[in-house]
Structures are given as structure tokens and as C-alpha cells.
């Protein structure tokens, strides 16, 4: 249901739903793609490495980089990652060209 308010308009009323990429997006098996990629891209426990160090009591071994880390920004949605990889492959774009093209045509959804 489209509205007269621009900020409340639906995305399908703003874009051409007959565009080949819009048609492809409706035909992609997103649930199956996300289900198959989620285990591969899951947040994994790292085993770490042993670091030899010396302190006042002599040589010691410490485990560094082990466990789960919550540092860094949250990951992007898998659907966005898959869509960007598809566009990069389909249009033979470099990483920089893909970012430039995506940032010009993205619709911010907050």
C-alpha cells in the first residue's frame, strides 16, 4: 500500500519491479542460500596460539587469541553479502567499483 509520504513509501513503489535485477531478487531462493551459507560464516571459536614470554618469575607460556571475540562491528546480513557478490560477478566489477556503484544506488533503510 503506497502512501503520499515519501519517507513511508514502500520500496516496490519506488523502483521498477520489471527491471531484470528486481525480477531476479524475487526469484532467488533466499532461505536456501542463507541456510547453506550460515554455518560457513558463523562466529567460530578460535583455538589461539601459545606465546612464550618472560616475567619476574622466569619463562612463561600464555594462550593468546583464543575464544570468541565480540570486538569489531556486527556482520552484514547474508542476503546483502550474497547480492553484492552476485553483482560483482555479473558485472565484472572490482571491489572499489562495486562499493562505488552500490553507494550511489542504495536506499537507506533504518
PDB file of N, CA and C in Angstrom:
ATOM      1  N   UNK A   1       0.832  -1.167   0.000  1.00  0.00           N
ATOM      2  CA  UNK A   1       0.000   0.000   0.000  1.00  0.00           C
ATOM      3  C   UNK A   1       0.883   1.237   0.000  1.00  0.00           C
ATOM      4  N   UNK A   2       0.911   1.979  -1.084  1.00  0.00           N
ATOM      5  CA  UNK A   2       1.731   3.176  -1.200  1.00  0.00           C
ATOM      6  C   UNK A   2       1.054   4.346  -0.497  1.00  0.00           C
ATOM      7  N   UNK A   3       1.890   5.239   0.021  1.00  0.00           N
ATOM      8  CA  UNK A   3       1.373   6.437   0.679  1.00  0.00           C
ATOM      9  C   UNK A   3       1.928   7.660  -0.008  1.00  0.00           C
ATOM     10  N   UNK A   4       1.364   8.823   0.294  1.00  0.00           N
ATOM     11  CA  UNK A   4       1.864  10.071  -0.285  1.00  0.00           C
ATOM     12  C   UNK A   4       3.112  10.562   0.433  1.00  0.00           C
ATOM     13  N   UNK A   5       3.382  10.055   1.616  1.00  0.00           N
ATOM     14  CA  UNK A   5       4.548  10.448   2.390  1.00  0.00           C
ATOM     15  C   UNK A   5       5.769   9.715   1.831  1.00  0.00           C
ATOM     16  N   UNK A   6       6.788  10.449   1.352  1.00  0.00           N
ATOM     17  CA  UNK A   6       7.962   9.843   0.732  1.00  0.00           C
ATOM     18  C   UNK A   6       8.701   8.925   1.696  1.00  0.00           C
ATOM     19  N   UNK A   7       8.792   9.315   2.960  1.00  0.00           N
ATOM     20  CA  UNK A   7       9.554   8.538   3.921  1.00  0.00           C
ATOM     21  C   UNK A   7       8.829   7.280   4.387  1.00  0.00           C
ATOM     22  N   UNK A   8       7.586   7.131   4.027  1.00  0.00           N
ATOM     23  CA  UNK A   8       6.836   5.935   4.395  1.00  0.00           C
ATOM     24  C   UNK A   8       6.448   5.113   3.171  1.00  0.00           C
ATOM     25  N   UNK A   9       6.967   5.485   2.022  1.00  0.00           N
ATOM     26  CA  UNK A   9       6.625   4.749   0.798  1.00  0.00           C
ATOM     27  C   UNK A   9       7.321   3.396   0.789  1.00  0.00           C
ATOM     28  N   UNK A  10       6.693   2.425   0.191  1.00  0.00           N
ATOM     29  CA  UNK A  10       7.280   1.097   0.075  1.00  0.00           C
ATOM     30  C   UNK A  10       8.326   1.103  -1.029  1.00  0.00           C
ATOM     31  N   UNK A  11       9.313   0.255  -0.867  1.00  0.00           N
ATOM     32  CA  UNK A  11      10.403   0.177  -1.836  1.00  0.00           C
ATOM     33  C   UNK A  11       9.896  -0.242  -3.211  1.00  0.00           C
ATOM     34  N   UNK A  12       8.921  -1.159  -3.256  1.00  0.00           N
ATOM     35  CA  UNK A  12       8.425  -1.618  -4.554  1.00  0.00           C
ATOM     36  C   UNK A  12       7.674  -0.532  -5.318  1.00  0.00           C
ATOM     37  N   UNK A  13       7.274   0.543  -4.633  1.00  0.00           N
ATOM     38  CA  UNK A  13       6.649   1.650  -5.358  1.00  0.00           C
ATOM     39  C   UNK A  13       7.692   2.654  -5.835  1.00  0.00           C
ATOM     40  N   UNK A  14       8.925   2.527  -5.354  1.00  0.00           N
ATOM     41  CA  UNK A  14       9.996   3.450  -5.757  1.00  0.00           C
ATOM     42  C   UNK A  14      10.847   2.910  -6.888  1.00  0.00           C
ATOM     43  N   UNK A  15      10.909   1.589  -7.043  1.00  0.00           N
ATOM     44  CA  UNK A  15      11.767   1.023  -8.081  1.00  0.00           C
ATOM     45  C   UNK A  15      10.921   0.354  -9.151  1.00  0.00           C
ATOM     46  N   UNK A  16      11.542   0.127 -10.285  1.00  0.00           N
ATOM     47  CA  UNK A  16      10.870  -0.557 -11.393  1.00  0.00           C
ATOM     48  C   UNK A  16      10.928  -2.058 -11.135  1.00  0.00           C
ATOM     49  N   UNK A  17       9.803  -2.651 -10.786  1.00  0.00           N
ATOM     50  CA  UNK A  17       9.761  -4.074 -10.470  1.00  0.00           C
ATOM     51  C   UNK A  17       9.918  -4.956 -11.709  1.00  0.00           C
ATOM     52  N   UNK A  18       9.942  -4.353 -12.907  1.00  0.00           N
ATOM     53  CA  UNK A  18      10.183  -5.106 -14.138  1.00  0.00           C
ATOM     54  C   UNK A  18      11.661  -5.120 -14.520  1.00  0.00           C
ATOM     55  N   UNK A  19      12.495  -4.410 -13.745  1.00  0.00           N
ATOM     56  CA  UNK A  19      13.939  -4.401 -14.007  1.00  0.00           C
ATOM     57  C   UNK A  19      14.466  -5.825 -13.796  1.00  0.00           C
ATOM     58  N   UNK A  20      15.406  -6.276 -14.635  1.00  0.00           N
ATOM     59  CA  UNK A  20      15.896  -7.659 -14.519  1.00  0.00           C
ATOM     60  C   UNK A  20      16.438  -8.016 -13.129  1.00  0.00           C
ATOM     61  N   UNK A  21      17.125  -7.092 -12.472  1.00  0.00           N
ATOM     62  CA  UNK A  21      17.649  -7.395 -11.139  1.00  0.00           C
ATOM     63  C   UNK A  21      16.536  -7.481 -10.098  1.00  0.00           C
ATOM     64  N   UNK A  22      15.486  -6.688 -10.250  1.00  0.00           N
ATOM     65  CA  UNK A  22      14.352  -6.768  -9.327  1.00  0.00           C
ATOM     66  C   UNK A  22      13.618  -8.094  -9.529  1.00  0.00           C
ATOM     67  N   UNK A  23      13.482  -8.524 -10.766  1.00  0.00           N
ATOM     68  CA  UNK A  23      12.862  -9.826 -11.037  1.00  0.00           C
ATOM     69  C   UNK A  23      13.701 -10.975 -10.483  1.00  0.00           C
ATOM     70  N   UNK A  24      15.018 -10.873 -10.655  1.00  0.00           N
ATOM     71  CA  UNK A  24      15.910 -11.902 -10.141  1.00  0.00           C
ATOM     72  C   UNK A  24      15.812 -11.993  -8.620  1.00  0.00           C
ATOM     73  N   UNK A  25      15.730 -10.845  -7.948  1.00  0.00           N
ATOM     74  CA  UNK A  25      15.644 -10.832  -6.484  1.00  0.00           C
ATOM     75  C   UNK A  25      14.386 -11.527  -5.984  1.00  0.00           C
ATOM     76  N   UNK A  26      13.318 -11.455  -6.757  1.00  0.00           N
ATOM     77  CA  UNK A  26      12.077 -12.129  -6.337  1.00  0.00           C
ATOM     78  C   UNK A  26      12.132 -13.630  -6.598  1.00  0.00           C
ATOM     79  N   UNK A  27      13.016 -14.056  -7.492  1.00  0.00           N
ATOM     80  CA  UNK A  27      13.094 -15.474  -7.856  1.00  0.00           C
ATOM     81  C   UNK A  27      14.213 -16.230  -7.142  1.00  0.00           C
ATOM     82  N   UNK A  28      15.066 -15.522  -6.445  1.00  0.00           N
ATOM     83  CA  UNK A  28      16.182 -16.174  -5.742  1.00  0.00           C
ATOM     84  C   UNK A  28      15.656 -16.964  -4.547  1.00  0.00           C
ATOM     85  N   UNK A  29      16.178 -18.162  -4.329  1.00  0.00           N
ATOM     86  CA  UNK A  29      15.773 -18.946  -3.140  1.00  0.00           C
ATOM     87  C   UNK A  29      16.565 -18.481  -1.916  1.00  0.00           C
ATOM     88  N   UNK A  30      16.200 -17.298  -1.392  1.00  0.00           N
ATOM     89  CA  UNK A  30      16.984 -16.669  -0.328  1.00  0.00           C
ATOM     90  C   UNK A  30      17.083 -17.545   0.911  1.00  0.00           C
ATOM     91  N   UNK A  31      16.026 -18.209   1.294  1.00  0.00           N
ATOM     92  CA  UNK A  31      16.051 -19.043   2.501  1.00  0.00           C
ATOM     93  C   UNK A  31      17.067 -20.181   2.352  1.00  0.00           C
ATOM     94  N   UNK A  32      17.089 -20.821   1.203  1.00  0.00           N
ATOM     95  CA  UNK A  32      18.031 -21.921   0.971  1.00  0.00           C
ATOM     96  C   UNK A  32      19.472 -21.412   0.922  1.00  0.00           C
ATOM     97  N   UNK A  33      19.675 -20.267   0.311  1.00  0.00           N
ATOM     98  CA  UNK A  33      21.021 -19.688   0.238  1.00  0.00           C
ATOM     99  C   UNK A  33      21.526 -19.344   1.631  1.00  0.00           C
ATOM    100  N   UNK A  34      20.683 -18.666   2.418  1.00  0.00           N
ATOM    101  CA  UNK A  34      21.085 -18.296   3.774  1.00  0.00           C
ATOM    102  C   UNK A  34      21.325 -19.528   4.641  1.00  0.00           C
ATOM    103  N   UNK A  35      20.497 -20.554   4.486  1.00  0.00           N
ATOM    104  CA  UNK A  35      20.662 -21.775   5.281  1.00  0.00           C
ATOM    105  C   UNK A  35      21.968 -22.492   4.943  1.00  0.00           C
ATOM    106  N   UNK A  36      22.372 -22.467   3.676  1.00  0.00           N
ATOM    107  CA  UNK A  36      23.606 -23.159   3.296  1.00  0.00           C
ATOM    108  C   UNK A  36      24.857 -22.351   3.641  1.00  0.00           C
ATOM    109  N   UNK A  37      24.758 -21.029   3.661  1.00  0.00           N
ATOM    110  CA  UNK A  37      25.934 -20.200   3.957  1.00  0.00           C
ATOM    111  C   UNK A  37      26.100 -19.882   5.440  1.00  0.00           C
ATOM    112  N   UNK A  38      25.042 -19.916   6.207  1.00  0.00           N
ATOM    113  CA  UNK A  38      25.119 -19.535   7.623  1.00  0.00           C
ATOM    114  C   UNK A  38      26.155 -20.341   8.402  1.00  0.00           C
ATOM    115  N   UNK A  39      26.223 -21.674   8.246  1.00  0.00           N
ATOM    116  CA  UNK A  39      27.249 -22.410   9.006  1.00  0.00           C
ATOM    117  C   UNK A  39      28.674 -22.039   8.592  1.00  0.00           C
ATOM    118  N   UNK A  40      28.864 -21.719   7.328  1.00  0.00           N
ATOM    119  CA  UNK A  40      30.206 -21.373   6.859  1.00  0.00           C
ATOM    120  C   UNK A  40      30.666 -20.013   7.381  1.00  0.00           C
ATOM    121  N   UNK A  41      29.732 -19.112   7.582  1.00  0.00           N
ATOM    122  CA  UNK A  41      30.072 -17.752   8.008  1.00  0.00           C
ATOM    123  C   UNK A  41      29.738 -17.497   9.478  1.00  0.00           C
ATOM    124  N   UNK A  42      29.485 -18.552  10.227  1.00  0.00           N
ATOM    125  CA  UNK A  42      29.126 -18.401  11.642  1.00  0.00           C
ATOM    126  C   UNK A  42      30.320 -17.911  12.453  1.00  0.00           C
ATOM    127  N   UNK A  43      30.021 -17.283  13.567  1.00  0.00           N
ATOM    128  CA  UNK A  43      31.032 -16.797  14.500  1.00  0.00           C
ATOM    129  C   UNK A  43      31.677 -18.014  15.155  1.00  0.00           C
ATOM    130  N   UNK A  44      32.963 -18.279  14.881  1.00  0.00           N
ATOM    131  CA  UNK A  44      33.604 -19.506  15.320  1.00  0.00           C
ATOM    132  C   UNK A  44      34.578 -19.252  16.468  1.00  0.00           C
ATOM    133  N   UNK A  45      34.729 -20.268  17.277  1.00  0.00           N
ATOM    134  CA  UNK A  45      35.686 -20.243  18.377  1.00  0.00           C
ATOM    135  C   UNK A  45      37.080 -20.456  17.789  1.00  0.00           C
ATOM    136  N   UNK A  46      38.004 -19.580  18.174  1.00  0.00           N
ATOM    137  CA  UNK A  46      39.372 -19.704  17.685  1.00  0.00           C
ATOM    138  C   UNK A  46      40.205 -20.476  18.706  1.00  0.00           C
ATOM    139  N   UNK A  47      41.117 -21.320  18.235  1.00  0.00           N
ATOM    140  CA  UNK A  47      41.913 -22.132  19.153  1.00  0.00           C
ATOM    141  C   UNK A  47      43.071 -21.343  19.749  1.00  0.00           C
ATOM    142  N   UNK A  48      43.517 -20.278  19.120  1.00  0.00           N
ATOM    143  CA  UNK A  48      44.586 -19.448  19.665  1.00  0.00           C
ATOM    144  C   UNK A  48      45.962 -20.044  19.437  1.00  0.00           C
ATOM    145  N   UNK A  49      46.963 -19.406  20.025  1.00  0.00           N
ATOM    146  CA  UNK A  49      48.341 -19.893  19.907  1.00  0.00           C
ATOM    147  C   UNK A  49      49.063 -19.629  21.218  1.00  0.00           C
ATOM    148  N   UNK A  50      50.052 -20.440  21.475  1.00  0.00           N
ATOM    149  CA  UNK A  50      50.838 -20.301  22.702  1.00  0.00           C
ATOM    150  C   UNK A  50      51.970 -19.323  22.440  1.00  0.00           C
ATOM    151  N   UNK A  51      52.110 -18.339  23.328  1.00  0.00           N
ATOM    152  CA  UNK A  51      53.151 -17.322  23.208  1.00  0.00           C
ATOM    153  C   UNK A  51      54.093 -17.465  24.393  1.00  0.00           C
ATOM    154  N   UNK A  52      55.374 -17.612  24.097  1.00  0.00           N
ATOM    155  CA  UNK A  52      56.381 -17.704  25.152  1.00  0.00           C
ATOM    156  C   UNK A  52      56.739 -16.288  25.594  1.00  0.00           C
ATOM    157  N   UNK A  53      56.766 -16.086  26.896  1.00  0.00           N
ATOM    158  CA  UNK A  53      57.059 -14.771  27.452  1.00  0.00           C
ATOM    159  C   UNK A  53      57.933 -14.971  28.678  1.00  0.00           C
ATOM    160  N   UNK A  54      58.526 -13.901  29.133  1.00  0.00           N
ATOM    161  CA  UNK A  54      59.333 -13.957  30.352  1.00  0.00           C
ATOM    162  C   UNK A  54      58.853 -12.866  31.289  1.00  0.00           C
ATOM    163  N   UNK A  55      58.729 -13.210  32.559  1.00  0.00           N
ATOM    164  CA  UNK A  55      58.368 -12.220  33.563  1.00  0.00           C
ATOM    165  C   UNK A  55      59.344 -12.337  34.728  1.00  0.00           C
ATOM    166  N   UNK A  56      59.030 -11.771  35.873  1.00  0.00           N
ATOM    167  CA  UNK A  56      59.938 -11.788  37.023  1.00  0.00           C
ATOM    168  C   UNK A  56      60.221 -13.193  37.537  1.00  0.00           C
ATOM    169  N   UNK A  57      59.328 -14.133  37.261  1.00  0.00           N
ATOM    170  CA  UNK A  57      59.486 -15.492  37.770  1.00  0.00           C
ATOM    171  C   UNK A  57      60.064 -16.444  36.734  1.00  0.00           C
ATOM    172  N   UNK A  58      60.492 -15.933  35.594  1.00  0.00           N
ATOM    173  CA  UNK A  58      61.101 -16.770  34.572  1.00  0.00           C
ATOM    174  C   UNK A  58      60.210 -16.909  33.344  1.00  0.00           C
ATOM    175  N   UNK A  59      60.548 -17.832  32.454  1.00  0.00           N
ATOM    176  CA  UNK A  59      59.765 -18.009  31.225  1.00  0.00           C
ATOM    177  C   UNK A  59      58.365 -18.558  31.520  1.00  0.00           C
ATOM    178  N   UNK A  60      57.388 -18.031  30.804  1.00  0.00           N
ATOM    179  CA  UNK A  60      56.008 -18.484  30.950  1.00  0.00           C
ATOM    180  C   UNK A  60      55.383 -18.661  29.570  1.00  0.00           C
ATOM    181  N   UNK A  61      54.385 -19.495  29.502  1.00  0.00           N
ATOM    182  CA  UNK A  61      53.639 -19.700  28.258  1.00  0.00           C
ATOM    183  C   UNK A  61      52.228 -19.165  28.463  1.00  0.00           C
ATOM    184  N   UNK A  62      51.755 -18.363  27.531  1.00  0.00           N
ATOM    185  CA  UNK A  62      50.403 -17.805  27.619  1.00  0.00           C
ATOM    186  C   UNK A  62      49.649 -18.130  26.342  1.00  0.00           C
ATOM    187  N   UNK A  63      48.358 -18.344  26.486  1.00  0.00           N
ATOM    188  CA  UNK A  63      47.497 -18.605  25.346  1.00  0.00           C
ATOM    189  C   UNK A  63      46.949 -17.273  24.853  1.00  0.00           C
ATOM    190  N   UNK A  64      47.181 -16.950  23.576  1.00  0.00           N
ATOM    191  CA  UNK A  64      46.745 -15.663  23.016  1.00  0.00           C
ATOM    192  C   UNK A  64      45.800 -15.891  21.841  1.00  0.00           C
ATOM    193  N   UNK A  65      44.761 -15.065  21.776  1.00  0.00           N
ATOM    194  CA  UNK A  65      43.839 -15.091  20.640  1.00  0.00           C
ATOM    195  C   UNK A  65      42.851 -16.239  20.650  1.00  0.00           C
ATOM    196  N   UNK A  66      42.570 -16.802  21.798  1.00  0.00           N
ATOM    197  CA  UNK A  66      41.643 -17.931  21.855  1.00  0.00           C
ATOM    198  C   UNK A  66      40.253 -17.464  22.252  1.00  0.00           C
ATOM    199  N   UNK A  67      39.246 -18.255  21.903  1.00  0.00           N
ATOM    200  CA  UNK A  67      37.879 -17.982  22.315  1.00  0.00           C
ATOM    201  C   UNK A  67      37.105 -17.162  21.304  1.00  0.00           C
ATOM    202  N   UNK A  68      35.907 -16.770  21.710  1.00  0.00           N
ATOM    203  CA  UNK A  68      35.053 -15.937  20.872  1.00  0.00           C
ATOM    204  C   UNK A  68      35.337 -14.473  21.163  1.00  0.00           C
ATOM    205  N   UNK A  69      35.376 -13.673  20.125  1.00  0.00           N
ATOM    206  CA  UNK A  69      35.606 -12.245  20.292  1.00  0.00           C
ATOM    207  C   UNK A  69      34.364 -11.477  19.849  1.00  0.00           C
ATOM    208  N   UNK A  70      33.941 -10.538  20.669  1.00  0.00           N
ATOM    209  CA  UNK A  70      32.829  -9.671  20.305  1.00  0.00           C
ATOM    210  C   UNK A  70      33.333  -8.328  19.787  1.00  0.00           C
ATOM    211  N   UNK A  71      34.628  -8.231  19.547  1.00  0.00           N
ATOM    212  CA  UNK A  71      35.200  -6.985  19.042  1.00  0.00           C
ATOM    213  C   UNK A  71      34.815  -6.789  17.580  1.00  0.00           C
ATOM    214  N   UNK A  72      34.822  -5.558  17.146  1.00  0.00           N
ATOM    215  CA  UNK A  72      34.522  -5.244  15.760  1.00  0.00           C
ATOM    216  C   UNK A  72      33.050  -4.971  15.547  1.00  0.00           C
ATOM    217  N   UNK A  73      32.728  -4.577  14.330  1.00  0.00           N
ATOM    218  CA  UNK A  73      31.340  -4.253  14.024  1.00  0.00           C
ATOM    219  C   UNK A  73      30.545  -5.517  13.742  1.00  0.00           C
ATOM    220  N   UNK A  74      29.236  -5.462  13.932  1.00  0.00           N
ATOM    221  CA  UNK A  74      28.410  -6.632  13.619  1.00  0.00           C
ATOM    222  C   UNK A  74      28.462  -6.943  12.122  1.00  0.00           C
ATOM    223  N   UNK A  75      28.290  -8.193  11.797  1.00  0.00           N
ATOM    224  CA  UNK A  75      28.373  -8.556  10.382  1.00  0.00           C
ATOM    225  C   UNK A  75      27.138  -8.068   9.631  1.00  0.00           C
ATOM    226  N   UNK A  76      27.307  -7.964   8.336  1.00  0.00           N
ATOM    227  CA  UNK A  76      26.205  -7.559   7.464  1.00  0.00           C
ATOM    228  C   UNK A  76      25.284  -8.750   7.228  1.00  0.00           C
ATOM    229  N   UNK A  77      24.033  -8.494   6.860  1.00  0.00           N
ATOM    230  CA  UNK A  77      23.114  -9.605   6.573  1.00  0.00           C
ATOM    231  C   UNK A  77      23.621 -10.459   5.409  1.00  0.00           C
ATOM    232  N   UNK A  78      23.417 -11.772   5.507  1.00  0.00           N
ATOM    233  CA  UNK A  78      23.886 -12.686   4.456  1.00  0.00           C
ATOM    234  C   UNK A  78      23.277 -12.357   3.102  1.00  0.00           C
ATOM    235  N   UNK A  79      22.022 -11.924   3.091  1.00  0.00           N
ATOM    236  CA  UNK A  79      21.370 -11.606   1.824  1.00  0.00           C
ATOM    237  C   UNK A  79      22.091 -10.452   1.119  1.00  0.00           C
ATOM    238  N   UNK A  80      22.535  -9.470   1.873  1.00  0.00           N
ATOM    239  CA  UNK A  80      23.275  -8.348   1.291  1.00  0.00           C
ATOM    240  C   UNK A  80      24.616  -8.817   0.748  1.00  0.00           C
ATOM    241  N   UNK A  81      25.309  -9.659   1.494  1.00  0.00           N
ATOM    242  CA  UNK A  81      26.609 -10.162   1.048  1.00  0.00           C
ATOM    243  C   UNK A  81      26.467 -10.963  -0.238  1.00  0.00           C
ATOM    244  N   UNK A  82      25.482 -11.851  -0.280  1.00  0.00           N
ATOM    245  CA  UNK A  82      25.261 -12.676  -1.478  1.00  0.00           C
ATOM    246  C   UNK A  82      24.885 -11.797  -2.669  1.00  0.00           C
ATOM    247  N   UNK A  83      24.019 -10.828  -2.442  1.00  0.00           N
ATOM    248  CA  UNK A  83      23.601  -9.943  -3.538  1.00  0.00           C
ATOM    249  C   UNK A  83      24.779  -9.147  -4.081  1.00  0.00           C
ATOM    250  N   UNK A  84      25.626  -8.635  -3.200  1.00  0.00           N
ATOM    251  CA  UNK A  84      26.787  -7.870  -3.662  1.00  0.00           C
ATOM    252  C   UNK A  84      27.788  -8.758  -4.400  1.00  0.00           C
ATOM    253  N   UNK A  85      27.991  -9.986  -3.923  1.00  0.00           N
ATOM    254  CA  UNK A  85      28.882 -10.904  -4.638  1.00  0.00           C
ATOM    255  C   UNK A  85      28.326 -11.253  -6.018  1.00  0.00           C
ATOM    256  N   UNK A  86      27.007 -11.409  -6.103  1.00  0.00           N
ATOM    257  CA  UNK A  86      26.398 -11.676  -7.408  1.00  0.00           C
ATOM    258  C   UNK A  86      26.612 -10.499  -8.356  1.00  0.00           C
ATOM    259  N   UNK A  87      26.351  -9.280  -7.875  1.00  0.00           N
ATOM    260  CA  UNK A  87      26.527  -8.095  -8.719  1.00  0.00           C
ATOM    261  C   UNK A  87      27.978  -7.939  -9.153  1.00  0.00           C
ATOM    262  N   UNK A  88      28.900  -8.217  -8.246  1.00  0.00           N
ATOM    263  CA  UNK A  88      30.319  -8.118  -8.580  1.00  0.00           C
ATOM    264  C   UNK A  88      30.674  -9.086  -9.702  1.00  0.00           C
ATOM    265  N   UNK A  89      30.162 -10.312  -9.604  1.00  0.00           N
ATOM    266  CA  UNK A  89      30.445 -11.314 -10.625  1.00  0.00           C
ATOM    267  C   UNK A  89      29.721 -11.014 -11.938  1.00  0.00           C
ATOM    268  N   UNK A  90      28.445 -10.658 -11.856  1.00  0.00           N
ATOM    269  CA  UNK A  90      27.640 -10.456 -13.061  1.00  0.00           C
ATOM    270  C   UNK A  90      28.123  -9.284 -13.900  1.00  0.00           C
ATOM    271  N   UNK A  91      28.585  -8.211 -13.248  1.00  0.00           N
ATOM    272  CA  UNK A  91      29.011  -7.020 -13.972  1.00  0.00           C
ATOM    273  C   UNK A  91      30.523  -6.885 -14.033  1.00  0.00           C
ATOM    274  N   UNK A  92      31.258  -7.923 -13.588  1.00  0.00           N
ATOM    275  CA  UNK A  92      32.715  -7.953 -13.632  1.00  0.00           C
ATOM    276  C   UNK A  92      33.309  -6.692 -12.993  1.00  0.00           C
ATOM    277  N   UNK A  93      32.938  -6.429 -11.748  1.00  0.00           N
ATOM    278  CA  UNK A  93      33.368  -5.230 -11.041  1.00  0.00           C
ATOM    279  C   UNK A  93      34.488  -5.546 -10.057  1.00  0.00           C
ATOM    280  N   UNK A  94      35.360  -4.575  -9.860  1.00  0.00           N
ATOM    281  CA  UNK A  94      36.343  -4.691  -8.791  1.00  0.00           C
ATOM    282  C   UNK A  94      35.652  -4.357  -7.469  1.00  0.00           C
ATOM    283  N   UNK A  95      36.340  -4.568  -6.366  1.00  0.00           N
ATOM    284  CA  UNK A  95      35.765  -4.238  -5.062  1.00  0.00           C
ATOM    285  C   UNK A  95      35.427  -2.754  -4.977  1.00  0.00           C
ATOM    286  N   UNK A  96      36.331  -1.911  -5.472  1.00  0.00           N
ATOM    287  CA  UNK A  96      36.120  -0.469  -5.424  1.00  0.00           C
ATOM    288  C   UNK A  96      34.940  -0.048  -6.294  1.00  0.00           C
ATOM    289  N   UNK A  97      34.854  -0.622  -7.498  1.00  0.00           N
ATOM    290  CA  UNK A  97      33.745  -0.287  -8.392  1.00  0.00           C
ATOM    291  C   UNK A  97      32.408  -0.735  -7.801  1.00  0.00           C
ATOM    292  N   UNK A  98      32.399  -1.895  -7.171  1.00  0.00           N
ATOM    293  CA  UNK A  98      31.177  -2.401  -6.557  1.00  0.00           C
ATOM    294  C   UNK A  98      30.719  -1.471  -5.433  1.00  0.00           C
ATOM    295  N   UNK A  99      31.643  -1.066  -4.563  1.00  0.00           N
ATOM    296  CA  UNK A  99      31.290  -0.155  -3.462  1.00  0.00           C
ATOM    297  C   UNK A  99      30.791   1.179  -3.997  1.00  0.00           C
ATOM    298  N   UNK A 100      31.437   1.696  -5.031  1.00  0.00           N
ATOM    299  CA  UNK A 100      31.027   2.971  -5.627  1.00  0.00           C
ATOM    300  C   UNK A 100      29.619   2.862  -6.207  1.00  0.00           C
ATOM    301  N   UNK A 101      29.377   1.803  -6.963  1.00  0.00           N
ATOM    302  CA  UNK A 101      28.079   1.624  -7.613  1.00  0.00           C
ATOM    303  C   UNK A 101      26.971   1.375  -6.600  1.00  0.00           C
ATOM    304  N   UNK A 102      27.256   0.584  -5.569  1.00  0.00           N
ATOM    305  CA  UNK A 102      26.254   0.283  -4.552  1.00  0.00           C
ATOM    306  C   UNK A 102      25.923   1.525  -3.734  1.00  0.00           C
ATOM    307  N   UNK A 103      26.933   2.309  -3.394  1.00  0.00           N
ATOM    308  CA  UNK A 103      26.679   3.502  -2.578  1.00  0.00           C
ATOM    309  C   UNK A 103      25.888   4.562  -3.341  1.00  0.00           C
ATOM    310  N   UNK A 104      25.970   4.562  -4.663  1.00  0.00           N
ATOM    311  CA  UNK A 104      25.207   5.522  -5.462  1.00  0.00           C
ATOM    312  C   UNK A 104      23.738   5.130  -5.561  1.00  0.00           C
ATOM    313  N   UNK A 105      23.445   3.847  -5.494  1.00  0.00           N
ATOM    314  CA  UNK A 105      22.068   3.411  -5.754  1.00  0.00           C
ATOM    315  C   UNK A 105      21.369   2.825  -4.535  1.00  0.00           C
ATOM    316  N   UNK A 106      22.023   2.855  -3.392  1.00  0.00           N
ATOM    317  CA  UNK A 106      21.409   2.230  -2.221  1.00  0.00           C
ATOM    318  C   UNK A 106      20.300   3.115  -1.655  1.00  0.00           C
ATOM    319  N   UNK A 107      19.285   2.460  -1.133  1.00  0.00           N
ATOM    320  CA  UNK A 107      18.205   3.155  -0.440  1.00  0.00           C
ATOM    321  C   UNK A 107      18.379   2.836   1.031  1.00  0.00           C
ATOM    322  N   UNK A 108      18.656   3.839   1.846  1.00  0.00           N
ATOM    323  CA  UNK A 108      18.904   3.619   3.256  1.00  0.00           C
ATOM    324  C   UNK A 108      17.632   3.170   3.947  1.00  0.00           C
ATOM    325  N   UNK A 109      17.728   2.037   4.609  1.00  0.00           N
ATOM    326  CA  UNK A 109      16.587   1.511   5.341  1.00  0.00           C
ATOM    327  C   UNK A 109      16.998   1.458   6.803  1.00  0.00           C
ATOM    328  N   UNK A 110      16.379   2.298   7.638  1.00  0.00           N
ATOM    329  CA  UNK A 110      16.793   2.348   9.038  1.00  0.00           C
ATOM    330  C   UNK A 110      15.776   1.967   9.946  1.00  0.00           C
TER     331      UNK A 110
END
